[in-house]
N, C-alpha and C. Protein backbone atom coordinates (compact mmCIF):
# COMPACT_ATOMS: atom_id res chain seq x y z
N MET A 1 -23.94 9.50 13.30
CA MET A 1 -23.21 8.97 12.17
C MET A 1 -23.46 9.86 10.96
N SER A 2 -22.39 10.27 10.28
CA SER A 2 -22.54 11.15 9.14
C SER A 2 -22.80 10.34 7.87
N VAL A 3 -23.58 10.92 7.00
CA VAL A 3 -23.92 10.28 5.73
C VAL A 3 -22.95 10.81 4.68
N VAL A 4 -22.36 9.90 3.91
CA VAL A 4 -21.45 10.30 2.83
C VAL A 4 -22.26 10.45 1.55
N LEU A 5 -22.29 11.67 1.05
CA LEU A 5 -23.03 11.93 -0.18
C LEU A 5 -22.11 11.74 -1.38
N PRO A 6 -22.67 11.30 -2.51
CA PRO A 6 -21.84 11.13 -3.70
C PRO A 6 -21.28 12.49 -4.14
N SER A 7 -20.09 12.48 -4.67
CA SER A 7 -19.47 13.71 -5.13
C SER A 7 -19.90 14.00 -6.55
N LYS A 8 -20.20 15.27 -6.81
CA LYS A 8 -20.56 15.67 -8.17
C LYS A 8 -19.33 15.75 -9.06
N TYR A 9 -18.13 15.59 -8.48
CA TYR A 9 -16.89 15.67 -9.24
C TYR A 9 -16.40 14.31 -9.72
N LEU A 10 -17.02 13.23 -9.26
CA LEU A 10 -16.57 11.89 -9.63
C LEU A 10 -17.52 11.25 -10.64
N VAL A 11 -16.94 10.49 -11.56
CA VAL A 11 -17.72 9.74 -12.55
C VAL A 11 -17.66 8.28 -12.14
N ASP A 12 -18.81 7.69 -11.84
CA ASP A 12 -18.84 6.29 -11.42
C ASP A 12 -18.58 5.36 -12.60
N SER A 13 -18.01 4.22 -12.28
CA SER A 13 -17.72 3.19 -13.27
C SER A 13 -18.94 2.28 -13.44
N VAL A 14 -19.00 1.60 -14.56
CA VAL A 14 -20.05 0.60 -14.76
C VAL A 14 -19.66 -0.72 -14.10
N HIS A 15 -18.39 -0.85 -13.70
CA HIS A 15 -17.91 -2.07 -13.07
C HIS A 15 -18.24 -2.06 -11.58
N PRO A 16 -18.45 -3.24 -10.98
CA PRO A 16 -18.80 -3.31 -9.56
C PRO A 16 -17.69 -2.73 -8.68
N THR A 17 -18.10 -2.13 -7.58
CA THR A 17 -17.16 -1.56 -6.62
C THR A 17 -16.52 -2.69 -5.82
N ILE A 18 -15.18 -2.68 -5.75
CA ILE A 18 -14.46 -3.65 -4.94
C ILE A 18 -14.33 -3.13 -3.51
N THR A 19 -13.98 -1.86 -3.38
CA THR A 19 -13.85 -1.21 -2.08
C THR A 19 -13.94 0.29 -2.30
N THR A 20 -13.92 1.05 -1.24
CA THR A 20 -13.93 2.51 -1.35
C THR A 20 -12.73 3.08 -0.60
N LEU A 21 -12.26 4.22 -1.05
CA LEU A 21 -11.19 4.96 -0.38
C LEU A 21 -11.63 6.41 -0.25
N LYS A 22 -11.49 6.97 0.95
CA LYS A 22 -11.78 8.40 1.14
C LYS A 22 -10.48 9.16 0.98
N LEU A 23 -10.40 9.90 -0.11
CA LEU A 23 -9.21 10.69 -0.42
C LEU A 23 -9.63 12.15 -0.45
N GLY A 24 -9.09 12.93 0.49
CA GLY A 24 -9.51 14.33 0.61
C GLY A 24 -10.96 14.37 1.00
N ARG A 25 -11.76 15.10 0.23
CA ARG A 25 -13.19 15.23 0.53
C ARG A 25 -14.05 14.18 -0.17
N ASN A 26 -13.44 13.42 -1.06
CA ASN A 26 -14.23 12.51 -1.91
C ASN A 26 -14.03 11.05 -1.55
N VAL A 27 -15.13 10.31 -1.64
CA VAL A 27 -15.09 8.86 -1.45
C VAL A 27 -15.03 8.25 -2.85
N HIS A 28 -13.92 7.57 -3.15
CA HIS A 28 -13.72 6.96 -4.46
C HIS A 28 -14.12 5.49 -4.41
N LYS A 29 -15.00 5.10 -5.32
CA LYS A 29 -15.38 3.70 -5.46
C LYS A 29 -14.33 3.04 -6.34
N ILE A 30 -13.58 2.09 -5.80
CA ILE A 30 -12.49 1.45 -6.52
C ILE A 30 -13.02 0.21 -7.23
N THR A 31 -12.76 0.13 -8.54
CA THR A 31 -13.17 -1.02 -9.36
C THR A 31 -11.93 -1.67 -9.95
N LYS A 32 -12.12 -2.73 -10.72
CA LYS A 32 -11.00 -3.42 -11.35
C LYS A 32 -10.32 -2.56 -12.41
N LYS A 33 -10.95 -1.49 -12.85
CA LYS A 33 -10.38 -0.62 -13.89
C LYS A 33 -9.57 0.55 -13.31
N ASP A 34 -9.62 0.74 -12.00
CA ASP A 34 -8.82 1.79 -11.36
C ASP A 34 -7.43 1.23 -11.10
N LEU A 35 -6.41 2.05 -11.34
CA LEU A 35 -5.03 1.61 -11.20
C LEU A 35 -4.34 2.34 -10.06
N PHE A 36 -3.31 1.71 -9.53
CA PHE A 36 -2.45 2.31 -8.51
C PHE A 36 -1.06 2.43 -9.10
N PHE A 37 -0.44 3.60 -8.95
CA PHE A 37 0.86 3.89 -9.53
C PHE A 37 1.84 4.23 -8.41
N ASP A 38 2.92 3.45 -8.33
CA ASP A 38 3.96 3.66 -7.32
C ASP A 38 5.25 4.07 -8.02
N ASN A 39 5.64 5.33 -7.81
CA ASN A 39 6.86 5.83 -8.45
C ASN A 39 8.06 5.81 -7.51
N GLY A 40 7.92 5.17 -6.35
CA GLY A 40 8.99 5.09 -5.38
C GLY A 40 8.90 6.17 -4.31
N ALA A 41 8.24 7.29 -4.63
CA ALA A 41 8.08 8.37 -3.66
C ALA A 41 6.69 8.35 -3.03
N CYS A 42 5.69 7.97 -3.82
CA CYS A 42 4.32 7.90 -3.31
C CYS A 42 3.53 6.94 -4.20
N VAL A 43 2.35 6.57 -3.71
CA VAL A 43 1.42 5.74 -4.49
C VAL A 43 0.23 6.63 -4.83
N GLN A 44 -0.14 6.65 -6.09
CA GLN A 44 -1.26 7.46 -6.54
C GLN A 44 -2.35 6.57 -7.13
N LEU A 45 -3.57 7.04 -6.99
CA LEU A 45 -4.72 6.37 -7.60
C LEU A 45 -4.94 6.98 -8.98
N LEU A 46 -4.94 6.12 -10.00
CA LEU A 46 -5.25 6.55 -11.37
C LEU A 46 -6.64 6.04 -11.68
N LYS A 47 -7.61 6.92 -11.64
CA LYS A 47 -9.01 6.53 -11.82
C LYS A 47 -9.29 6.14 -13.26
N GLU A 48 -10.22 5.18 -13.41
CA GLU A 48 -10.70 4.81 -14.75
C GLU A 48 -11.26 6.05 -15.43
N HIS A 49 -12.07 6.82 -14.69
CA HIS A 49 -12.62 8.09 -15.17
C HIS A 49 -12.06 9.18 -14.27
N PRO A 50 -11.20 10.06 -14.77
CA PRO A 50 -10.64 11.12 -13.93
C PRO A 50 -11.73 12.00 -13.32
N MET A 51 -11.39 12.63 -12.20
CA MET A 51 -12.33 13.56 -11.57
C MET A 51 -12.66 14.68 -12.54
N LYS A 52 -13.89 15.18 -12.47
CA LYS A 52 -14.31 16.28 -13.34
C LYS A 52 -13.56 17.55 -13.01
N VAL A 53 -13.33 17.79 -11.72
CA VAL A 53 -12.64 19.00 -11.25
C VAL A 53 -11.75 18.62 -10.09
N ARG A 54 -10.55 19.14 -10.07
CA ARG A 54 -9.65 18.95 -8.92
C ARG A 54 -9.67 20.25 -8.13
N VAL A 55 -9.93 20.16 -6.84
CA VAL A 55 -10.03 21.35 -6.01
C VAL A 55 -8.94 21.32 -4.95
N GLY A 56 -7.78 21.83 -5.31
CA GLY A 56 -6.71 22.03 -4.34
C GLY A 56 -6.17 20.77 -3.71
N GLU A 57 -5.43 20.97 -2.67
CA GLU A 57 -4.67 19.92 -2.00
C GLU A 57 -5.56 18.87 -1.33
N LEU A 58 -6.75 19.25 -0.91
CA LEU A 58 -7.63 18.31 -0.20
C LEU A 58 -8.16 17.21 -1.12
N ASP A 59 -8.07 17.40 -2.43
CA ASP A 59 -8.56 16.39 -3.36
C ASP A 59 -7.42 15.60 -3.98
N THR A 60 -6.32 15.49 -3.29
CA THR A 60 -5.19 14.73 -3.81
C THR A 60 -5.57 13.27 -4.01
N VAL A 61 -4.94 12.63 -4.96
CA VAL A 61 -5.19 11.23 -5.17
C VAL A 61 -4.00 10.39 -4.70
N SER A 62 -3.09 11.00 -3.95
CA SER A 62 -1.99 10.23 -3.35
C SER A 62 -2.52 9.47 -2.15
N LEU A 63 -2.03 8.25 -1.97
CA LEU A 63 -2.52 7.40 -0.89
C LEU A 63 -1.64 7.52 0.35
N GLN A 64 -2.29 7.51 1.50
CA GLN A 64 -1.59 7.52 2.78
C GLN A 64 -1.43 6.08 3.26
N ASP A 65 -0.70 5.90 4.37
CA ASP A 65 -0.42 4.56 4.90
C ASP A 65 -1.70 3.76 5.17
N GLU A 66 -2.73 4.42 5.71
CA GLU A 66 -3.96 3.68 6.01
C GLU A 66 -4.65 3.19 4.74
N HIS A 67 -4.53 3.96 3.65
CA HIS A 67 -5.10 3.52 2.37
C HIS A 67 -4.32 2.31 1.85
N LEU A 68 -2.99 2.38 1.94
CA LEU A 68 -2.15 1.29 1.45
C LEU A 68 -2.40 0.00 2.24
N GLU A 69 -2.58 0.14 3.56
CA GLU A 69 -2.89 -1.03 4.40
C GLU A 69 -4.23 -1.63 3.99
N HIS A 70 -5.18 -0.79 3.66
CA HIS A 70 -6.51 -1.26 3.27
C HIS A 70 -6.45 -2.02 1.94
N ILE A 71 -5.82 -1.45 0.91
CA ILE A 71 -5.81 -2.12 -0.39
C ILE A 71 -4.88 -3.33 -0.40
N ALA A 72 -3.97 -3.43 0.56
CA ALA A 72 -3.09 -4.60 0.65
C ALA A 72 -3.87 -5.87 0.97
N LYS A 73 -5.11 -5.73 1.44
CA LYS A 73 -5.95 -6.88 1.77
C LYS A 73 -6.48 -7.57 0.50
N PHE A 74 -6.38 -6.90 -0.63
CA PHE A 74 -6.91 -7.43 -1.89
C PHE A 74 -5.77 -7.98 -2.73
N HIS A 75 -6.11 -8.82 -3.71
CA HIS A 75 -5.11 -9.34 -4.63
C HIS A 75 -4.67 -8.21 -5.55
N ALA A 76 -3.38 -8.04 -5.69
CA ALA A 76 -2.84 -7.04 -6.62
C ALA A 76 -2.48 -7.73 -7.92
N VAL A 77 -2.83 -7.10 -9.03
CA VAL A 77 -2.50 -7.61 -10.35
C VAL A 77 -1.62 -6.58 -11.04
N GLU A 78 -0.38 -6.97 -11.35
CA GLU A 78 0.58 -6.07 -11.99
C GLU A 78 0.19 -5.79 -13.44
N HIS A 79 0.41 -4.57 -13.88
CA HIS A 79 0.16 -4.15 -15.26
C HIS A 79 1.51 -3.80 -15.88
N VAL A 80 2.22 -4.82 -16.32
CA VAL A 80 3.59 -4.62 -16.82
C VAL A 80 3.62 -3.93 -18.18
N ASN A 81 2.53 -3.96 -18.93
CA ASN A 81 2.50 -3.31 -20.24
C ASN A 81 1.97 -1.89 -20.20
N HIS A 82 1.70 -1.37 -19.02
CA HIS A 82 1.19 0.00 -18.89
C HIS A 82 2.32 0.99 -19.17
N PRO A 83 2.04 2.09 -19.87
CA PRO A 83 3.10 3.06 -20.19
C PRO A 83 3.82 3.62 -18.96
N TYR A 84 3.16 3.69 -17.82
CA TYR A 84 3.81 4.22 -16.61
C TYR A 84 4.72 3.19 -15.93
N ALA A 85 4.61 1.91 -16.33
CA ALA A 85 5.39 0.85 -15.69
C ALA A 85 6.78 0.77 -16.32
N VAL A 86 7.54 1.83 -16.17
CA VAL A 86 8.91 1.90 -16.69
C VAL A 86 9.84 2.41 -15.60
N ARG A 87 11.12 2.10 -15.75
CA ARG A 87 12.16 2.60 -14.84
C ARG A 87 11.82 2.36 -13.37
N GLY A 88 11.40 1.16 -13.04
CA GLY A 88 11.16 0.82 -11.64
C GLY A 88 9.81 1.23 -11.10
N ASN A 89 8.98 1.90 -11.91
CA ASN A 89 7.63 2.24 -11.46
C ASN A 89 6.76 1.00 -11.48
N ARG A 90 5.82 0.95 -10.57
CA ARG A 90 4.91 -0.19 -10.47
C ARG A 90 3.49 0.28 -10.70
N VAL A 91 2.75 -0.43 -11.55
CA VAL A 91 1.34 -0.13 -11.80
C VAL A 91 0.55 -1.40 -11.55
N TRP A 92 -0.51 -1.31 -10.74
CA TRP A 92 -1.32 -2.48 -10.46
C TRP A 92 -2.76 -2.08 -10.22
N SER A 93 -3.63 -3.09 -10.23
CA SER A 93 -5.03 -2.91 -9.86
C SER A 93 -5.35 -3.98 -8.82
N ILE A 94 -6.52 -3.87 -8.23
CA ILE A 94 -6.93 -4.89 -7.26
C ILE A 94 -8.15 -5.62 -7.81
N VAL A 95 -8.33 -6.84 -7.32
CA VAL A 95 -9.48 -7.64 -7.73
C VAL A 95 -10.20 -8.14 -6.48
N GLU A 96 -11.43 -8.54 -6.68
CA GLU A 96 -12.23 -9.10 -5.58
C GLU A 96 -11.50 -10.27 -4.94
N PRO A 97 -11.65 -10.48 -3.65
CA PRO A 97 -10.98 -11.61 -3.00
C PRO A 97 -11.38 -12.97 -3.58
N ASP A 98 -12.60 -13.07 -4.11
CA ASP A 98 -13.06 -14.36 -4.65
C ASP A 98 -13.02 -14.40 -6.18
N GLU A 99 -12.28 -13.49 -6.80
CA GLU A 99 -12.18 -13.46 -8.27
C GLU A 99 -11.57 -14.76 -8.79
N ARG A 100 -12.08 -15.24 -9.92
CA ARG A 100 -11.53 -16.41 -10.60
C ARG A 100 -11.15 -15.99 -12.00
N PHE A 101 -9.96 -16.37 -12.42
CA PHE A 101 -9.50 -16.11 -13.78
C PHE A 101 -9.59 -17.41 -14.55
N LEU A 102 -10.31 -17.39 -15.66
CA LEU A 102 -10.54 -18.57 -16.48
C LEU A 102 -9.61 -18.52 -17.69
N VAL A 103 -8.94 -19.64 -17.97
CA VAL A 103 -8.02 -19.73 -19.09
C VAL A 103 -8.65 -20.62 -20.15
N MET A 104 -8.71 -20.09 -21.38
CA MET A 104 -9.34 -20.80 -22.49
C MET A 104 -8.34 -20.94 -23.63
N GLY A 105 -8.31 -22.14 -24.25
CA GLY A 105 -7.47 -22.39 -25.42
C GLY A 105 -8.32 -22.54 -26.66
N TYR A 106 -7.85 -21.99 -27.77
CA TYR A 106 -8.59 -22.02 -29.04
C TYR A 106 -7.74 -22.72 -30.09
N GLU A 107 -8.34 -23.68 -30.81
CA GLU A 107 -7.64 -24.48 -31.81
C GLU A 107 -7.34 -23.71 -33.09
N ASP A 108 -8.26 -22.80 -33.49
CA ASP A 108 -8.05 -22.07 -34.75
C ASP A 108 -8.84 -20.75 -34.69
N GLU A 109 -8.71 -19.97 -35.76
CA GLU A 109 -9.37 -18.66 -35.83
C GLU A 109 -10.89 -18.80 -35.75
N ALA A 110 -11.44 -19.85 -36.34
CA ALA A 110 -12.89 -20.06 -36.29
C ALA A 110 -13.36 -20.23 -34.85
N ASP A 111 -12.60 -20.97 -34.03
CA ASP A 111 -12.95 -21.12 -32.61
C ASP A 111 -12.92 -19.78 -31.89
N VAL A 112 -11.93 -18.95 -32.23
CA VAL A 112 -11.85 -17.62 -31.61
C VAL A 112 -13.07 -16.80 -31.98
N GLN A 113 -13.41 -16.79 -33.28
CA GLN A 113 -14.55 -16.01 -33.76
C GLN A 113 -15.86 -16.50 -33.16
N ASN A 114 -16.01 -17.82 -33.03
CA ASN A 114 -17.24 -18.41 -32.49
C ASN A 114 -17.25 -18.50 -30.97
N ARG A 115 -16.15 -18.08 -30.36
CA ARG A 115 -16.00 -18.13 -28.90
C ARG A 115 -16.22 -19.55 -28.38
N GLN A 116 -15.61 -20.50 -29.07
CA GLN A 116 -15.72 -21.91 -28.69
C GLN A 116 -14.33 -22.43 -28.35
N GLY A 117 -13.90 -22.14 -27.16
CA GLY A 117 -12.59 -22.58 -26.73
C GLY A 117 -12.67 -23.76 -25.79
N ARG A 118 -11.52 -24.28 -25.47
CA ARG A 118 -11.42 -25.38 -24.50
C ARG A 118 -11.00 -24.82 -23.16
N PHE A 119 -11.75 -25.14 -22.14
CA PHE A 119 -11.45 -24.66 -20.79
C PHE A 119 -10.18 -25.33 -20.29
N LEU A 120 -9.18 -24.53 -19.95
CA LEU A 120 -7.90 -25.06 -19.49
C LEU A 120 -7.72 -24.99 -17.98
N GLY A 121 -8.51 -24.14 -17.33
CA GLY A 121 -8.43 -24.06 -15.88
C GLY A 121 -8.94 -22.74 -15.34
N GLY A 122 -9.21 -22.74 -14.05
CA GLY A 122 -9.63 -21.53 -13.35
C GLY A 122 -8.72 -21.32 -12.16
N GLU A 123 -8.24 -20.10 -12.01
CA GLU A 123 -7.29 -19.79 -10.96
C GLU A 123 -7.76 -18.60 -10.15
N GLY A 124 -7.48 -18.61 -8.87
CA GLY A 124 -7.83 -17.50 -8.00
C GLY A 124 -6.82 -16.36 -8.04
N TYR A 125 -5.62 -16.64 -8.51
CA TYR A 125 -4.59 -15.61 -8.62
C TYR A 125 -4.24 -15.41 -10.09
N PHE A 126 -4.10 -14.15 -10.49
CA PHE A 126 -3.80 -13.86 -11.88
C PHE A 126 -2.46 -14.45 -12.30
N GLN A 127 -1.46 -14.42 -11.43
CA GLN A 127 -0.15 -14.97 -11.78
C GLN A 127 -0.24 -16.46 -12.11
N ASN A 128 -1.09 -17.19 -11.39
CA ASN A 128 -1.29 -18.61 -11.69
C ASN A 128 -1.97 -18.80 -13.05
N ALA A 129 -2.95 -17.94 -13.35
CA ALA A 129 -3.61 -18.01 -14.65
C ALA A 129 -2.64 -17.66 -15.77
N LEU A 130 -1.77 -16.69 -15.52
CA LEU A 130 -0.77 -16.30 -16.52
C LEU A 130 0.23 -17.43 -16.76
N LYS A 131 0.60 -18.14 -15.71
CA LYS A 131 1.51 -19.28 -15.86
C LYS A 131 0.83 -20.37 -16.69
N LEU A 132 -0.45 -20.64 -16.41
CA LEU A 132 -1.20 -21.63 -17.18
C LEU A 132 -1.28 -21.22 -18.66
N LEU A 133 -1.52 -19.93 -18.90
CA LEU A 133 -1.54 -19.43 -20.27
C LEU A 133 -0.19 -19.68 -20.94
N ASN A 134 0.89 -19.29 -20.28
CA ASN A 134 2.23 -19.45 -20.86
C ASN A 134 2.60 -20.91 -21.09
N ASP A 135 2.15 -21.79 -20.19
CA ASP A 135 2.41 -23.23 -20.35
C ASP A 135 1.62 -23.83 -21.52
N SER A 136 0.50 -23.20 -21.88
CA SER A 136 -0.40 -23.76 -22.90
C SER A 136 -0.27 -23.09 -24.25
N VAL A 137 0.43 -21.99 -24.33
CA VAL A 137 0.43 -21.18 -25.55
C VAL A 137 0.96 -21.94 -26.78
N ASN A 138 1.87 -22.87 -26.61
CA ASN A 138 2.40 -23.61 -27.75
C ASN A 138 1.48 -24.74 -28.21
N SER A 139 0.48 -25.06 -27.42
CA SER A 139 -0.43 -26.16 -27.77
C SER A 139 -1.69 -25.69 -28.48
N PHE A 140 -1.89 -24.38 -28.58
CA PHE A 140 -3.13 -23.84 -29.15
C PHE A 140 -2.83 -22.71 -30.11
N TYR A 141 -3.80 -22.44 -30.98
CA TYR A 141 -3.71 -21.29 -31.88
C TYR A 141 -3.67 -20.00 -31.06
N MET A 142 -4.53 -19.94 -30.02
CA MET A 142 -4.59 -18.76 -29.15
C MET A 142 -5.06 -19.19 -27.77
N VAL A 143 -4.52 -18.55 -26.74
CA VAL A 143 -4.95 -18.78 -25.37
C VAL A 143 -5.30 -17.43 -24.76
N LYS A 144 -6.44 -17.37 -24.05
CA LYS A 144 -6.90 -16.12 -23.45
C LYS A 144 -7.27 -16.34 -21.99
N ILE A 145 -7.20 -15.25 -21.23
CA ILE A 145 -7.63 -15.25 -19.83
C ILE A 145 -8.85 -14.34 -19.71
N PHE A 146 -9.86 -14.82 -18.99
CA PHE A 146 -11.08 -14.05 -18.75
C PHE A 146 -11.30 -13.93 -17.24
N ASP A 147 -11.93 -12.83 -16.83
CA ASP A 147 -12.30 -12.72 -15.43
C ASP A 147 -13.71 -13.27 -15.24
N ARG A 148 -14.18 -13.22 -14.02
CA ARG A 148 -15.48 -13.80 -13.67
C ARG A 148 -16.62 -13.20 -14.48
N SER A 149 -16.49 -11.94 -14.89
CA SER A 149 -17.57 -11.30 -15.65
C SER A 149 -17.51 -11.64 -17.14
N GLY A 150 -16.52 -12.44 -17.56
CA GLY A 150 -16.41 -12.82 -18.95
C GLY A 150 -15.60 -11.86 -19.79
N GLU A 151 -15.02 -10.84 -19.17
CA GLU A 151 -14.21 -9.86 -19.89
C GLU A 151 -12.78 -10.38 -20.02
N GLN A 152 -12.21 -10.27 -21.22
CA GLN A 152 -10.84 -10.72 -21.42
C GLN A 152 -9.90 -9.85 -20.61
N VAL A 153 -8.94 -10.49 -19.95
CA VAL A 153 -7.98 -9.80 -19.11
C VAL A 153 -6.65 -9.72 -19.85
N ILE A 154 -6.21 -8.48 -20.10
CA ILE A 154 -4.92 -8.26 -20.76
C ILE A 154 -4.15 -7.26 -19.92
N TYR A 155 -3.15 -7.75 -19.18
CA TYR A 155 -2.32 -6.83 -18.37
C TYR A 155 -0.95 -6.81 -18.98
């Protein structure tokens, strides 16, 4: 069995690894901050931290069918506000299978500043959390979605 050594060309994320993909010679640790870009011709991996050096064709970040089958096992979260998500292009990231999105409502600016919101629900799918946010937005000063690590989610 061969041992996979870390690449000196990759910058690791501070976020936990969801899965790994071997692209060319490098094993990429995929986190919630890494994006996938589908322009209709191919799907590319847009790393949170770009590779330090690209070395020819073997280090391509385009995904093959086996990569696409692998990431299809995870929940995809669309990034509709991403600059690349125009003219039919699709941009998404993946999340842990057991990820929970928490929706919080805030009565006023003081609640936002003090981080004292009202828990509105927890959802396993981002689309469900987004629907809950949209259904609640008129009842609160502000409504936010957070992931399991407590980081606000804005897609």
